[in-house]
Protein backbone atom coordinates (compact mmCIF):
# COMPACT_ATOMS: atom_id res chain seq x y z
CA MET A 1 -15.75 -0.55 -5.09
CA ARG A 2 -13.33 1.78 -3.29
CA ALA A 3 -9.53 1.60 -3.18
CA SER A 4 -7.22 3.07 -0.55
CA VAL A 5 -3.48 3.32 -0.01
CA PHE A 6 -1.87 3.24 3.45
CA CYS A 7 1.89 3.63 3.37
CA GLY A 8 4.97 5.22 4.81
CA VAL A 9 6.95 7.66 2.68
CA SER A 10 10.32 9.32 3.18
CA LEU A 11 10.37 13.12 3.24
CA ASP A 12 11.80 13.06 -0.26
CA GLY A 13 8.81 11.09 -1.54
CA PHE A 14 9.96 7.47 -1.69
CA ILE A 15 7.90 4.51 -0.45
CA ALA A 16 10.83 2.08 -0.65
CA ARG A 17 14.49 1.90 -1.51
CA PRO A 18 15.43 0.86 -5.07
CA ASP A 19 15.61 -2.80 -3.91
CA GLY A 20 12.14 -2.61 -2.31
CA SER A 21 13.44 -2.40 1.25
CA VAL A 22 11.51 -0.25 3.70
CA ASP A 23 14.11 -0.34 6.48
CA PHE A 24 14.01 3.48 6.67
CA LEU A 25 10.63 3.14 8.42
CA ASP A 26 12.41 1.75 11.49
CA GLY A 27 14.71 3.38 14.01
CA HIS A 28 12.78 6.54 14.77
CA GLY A 29 12.12 6.02 18.46
CA ASP A 30 8.97 4.65 19.96
CA VAL A 31 6.08 4.37 17.54
CA GLU A 32 2.77 5.27 19.13
CA GLY A 33 0.71 2.13 18.56
CA ASP A 34 0.37 0.99 14.97
CA LEU A 35 -0.36 4.48 13.60
CA GLY A 36 -3.94 3.48 12.80
CA PHE A 37 -3.01 0.51 10.62
CA SER A 38 -5.26 -1.97 12.49
CA ALA A 39 -8.28 0.34 12.20
CA PHE A 40 -7.51 0.86 8.52
CA LEU A 41 -7.18 -2.88 7.91
CA ASP A 42 -10.53 -3.39 9.65
CA SER A 43 -12.08 -0.97 7.13
CA VAL A 44 -11.06 -2.98 4.05
CA ASP A 45 -12.38 -6.35 2.91
CA CYS A 46 -9.58 -7.26 0.49
CA MET A 47 -6.08 -6.29 -0.50
CA VAL A 48 -4.42 -5.88 -3.89
CA MET A 49 -0.67 -6.28 -3.70
CA GLY A 50 2.11 -6.19 -6.26
CA ARG A 51 4.24 -9.26 -6.84
CA ASN A 52 7.48 -7.62 -5.73
CA THR A 53 5.88 -6.47 -2.49
CA TYR A 54 4.41 -9.92 -1.86
CA ASP A 55 7.79 -11.59 -2.47
CA PHE A 56 9.51 -9.06 -0.19
CA VAL A 57 7.01 -9.61 2.65
CA VAL A 58 7.21 -13.41 2.36
CA ALA A 59 11.04 -13.45 2.08
CA SER A 60 11.41 -11.17 5.11
CA GLY A 61 9.94 -13.86 7.33
CA ALA A 62 8.09 -11.15 9.22
CA GLU A 63 4.69 -11.72 10.74
CA TRP A 64 1.83 -11.66 8.21
CA HIS A 65 0.18 -8.35 9.15
CA TYR A 66 -2.95 -8.74 7.04
CA GLY A 67 -4.75 -11.41 9.08
CA ASP A 68 -7.37 -13.29 7.12
CA THR A 69 -8.02 -10.40 4.72
CA PRO A 70 -7.99 -11.92 1.21
CA VAL A 71 -4.89 -10.77 -0.68
CA PHE A 72 -4.87 -10.65 -4.47
CA VAL A 73 -1.34 -10.55 -5.89
CA LEU A 74 -1.05 -9.00 -9.34
CA THR A 75 1.46 -11.15 -11.19
CA THR A 76 2.09 -13.00 -14.42
CA ARG A 77 4.11 -15.73 -12.65
CA SER A 78 3.27 -18.54 -10.25
CA LEU A 79 3.53 -17.54 -6.60
CA GLY A 80 5.81 -20.51 -5.99
CA GLY A 81 5.92 -21.77 -2.41
CA PRO A 82 3.15 -21.87 0.14
CA SER A 83 1.38 -18.75 1.31
CA PRO A 84 2.22 -17.43 4.78
CA GLU A 85 0.43 -19.26 7.58
CA GLY A 86 -3.14 -18.02 7.98
CA ALA A 87 -3.03 -16.03 4.73
CA THR A 88 -5.59 -16.19 1.95
CA VAL A 89 -3.64 -15.36 -1.20
CA GLU A 90 -4.72 -15.56 -4.83
CA PRO A 91 -2.69 -14.53 -7.88
CA LEU A 92 -4.43 -12.40 -10.51
CA GLN A 93 -3.22 -11.74 -14.05
CA LEU A 94 -5.35 -8.63 -14.55
CA GLY A 95 -4.78 -4.92 -15.01
CA PRO A 96 -6.02 -2.37 -12.47
CA GLU A 97 -9.46 -1.76 -14.04
CA GLU A 98 -10.16 -5.48 -14.55
CA THR A 99 -9.01 -6.23 -11.00
CA MET A 100 -11.41 -3.69 -9.50
CA GLU A 101 -14.26 -4.91 -11.70
CA ARG A 102 -13.68 -8.52 -10.71
CA LEU A 103 -13.39 -7.76 -7.00
CA GLY A 104 -16.52 -5.59 -7.07
CA ALA A 105 -18.44 -8.27 -8.98
CA THR A 106 -17.53 -10.86 -6.33
CA GLY A 107 -18.88 -8.70 -3.51
CA PHE A 108 -15.84 -6.84 -2.21
CA THR A 109 -16.37 -3.15 -1.46
CA HIS A 110 -13.06 -1.68 -0.22
CA ALA A 111 -9.56 -2.67 -1.36
CA TYR A 112 -6.24 -1.84 0.27
CA VAL A 113 -3.78 -1.28 -2.59
CA ASP A 114 -0.09 -1.82 -1.80
CA GLY A 115 3.19 -2.06 -3.67
CA GLY A 116 5.10 0.57 -5.61
CA VAL A 117 4.20 -0.32 -9.19
CA VAL A 118 0.63 -1.32 -8.32
CA VAL A 119 -0.04 1.91 -6.42
CA GLN A 120 1.39 3.88 -9.36
CA GLN A 121 -0.78 1.96 -11.85
CA PHE A 122 -3.96 2.38 -9.79
CA LEU A 123 -3.28 6.11 -9.30
CA ALA A 124 -2.64 6.58 -13.03
CA ALA A 125 -5.89 4.73 -13.81
CA GLY A 126 -7.85 6.99 -11.44
CA LEU A 127 -8.83 4.07 -9.21
CA ILE A 128 -7.51 5.28 -5.84
CA ASP A 129 -10.08 7.02 -3.65
CA GLU A 130 -8.06 7.63 -0.49
CA LEU A 131 -4.41 8.00 0.49
CA ILE A 132 -3.19 7.69 4.07
CA LEU A 133 0.46 8.70 3.99
CA THR A 134 2.80 8.62 6.96
CA ARG A 135 5.80 10.82 6.33
CA VAL A 136 8.91 9.48 8.03
CA PRO A 137 11.56 11.98 9.14
CA VAL A 138 14.32 10.72 6.86
CA LEU A 139 15.72 11.54 3.42
CA ILE A 140 16.86 8.45 1.50
CA GLY A 141 17.94 10.09 -1.76
CA GLU A 142 16.61 7.49 -4.19
CA GLY A 143 14.02 4.78 -4.34
CA ILE A 144 10.57 3.87 -5.53
CA PRO A 145 8.39 7.00 -5.71
CA LEU A 146 4.76 7.07 -4.66
CA THR A 147 3.74 8.17 -8.13
CA ALA A 148 5.13 7.39 -11.56
CA PRO A 149 7.09 10.28 -13.12
CA ASP A 150 4.62 10.56 -16.01
CA ALA A 151 1.45 10.18 -13.91
CA GLY A 152 0.41 13.79 -14.19
CA ASP A 153 -1.39 15.68 -11.47
CA VAL A 154 -3.59 13.84 -8.99
CA PRO A 155 -5.74 16.47 -7.22
CA LEU A 156 -6.26 15.71 -3.53
CA GLU A 157 -8.43 17.02 -0.73
CA HIS A 158 -6.85 17.07 2.72
CA GLY A 159 -8.86 15.17 5.31
CA GLY A 160 -6.68 15.65 8.37
CA THR A 161 -3.21 15.26 9.80
CA ASP A 162 -1.82 13.66 12.96
CA VAL A 163 1.66 14.31 14.32
CA PHE A 164 3.30 11.59 16.39
CA GLY A 165 5.96 12.04 19.07
CA ASN A 166 8.60 10.23 17.04
CA GLY A 167 8.35 12.79 14.22
CA PHE A 168 6.02 10.79 11.97
CA VAL A 169 3.34 12.93 10.30
CA GLN A 170 0.29 11.11 8.96
CA SER A 171 -2.09 12.81 6.55
CA ARG A 172 -5.31 11.56 4.99
CA TYR A 173 -6.38 12.64 1.51
CA THR A 174 -9.26 11.85 -0.78
CA VAL A 175 -8.71 11.97 -4.51
CA ARG A 176 -10.82 14.67 -6.14
CA ARG A 177 -12.58 13.50 -9.28
């Protein structure tokens, strides 16, 4: 079972504002396609998402970008209302290791991990294999960092970088074990 992260990050290292908003990702001129997100989503067979991220996506009313990819929301609370149209969503009350064990045991092979706290927990547990980070040309000053302050070093191997005309810089890394 592999786990990957695909996210945008401000130049000062934040993946969201303190309230979870990612509005800083917008307003940077024309984006060239979807920056590889569709190809990435095609490479995964499930998604693990944090509760705050799930609530933010649902409340935004935006299009559900994950298609029919099964989404497992890590939460200790009921999800409440209906899932977005066309979405397959299941709540899980498990920690990172138990989540990966369960998904692997049910036949999944590659998880997309998303959401500030969840990404931090999976990184700290040594469960992330790949990071695809798109640096956005903006400094936001404060927010949710990619890694927890006490996470320690996570050694990475650079796999390549693409520069887009709007100033976005996307790099791929594998986590060295």
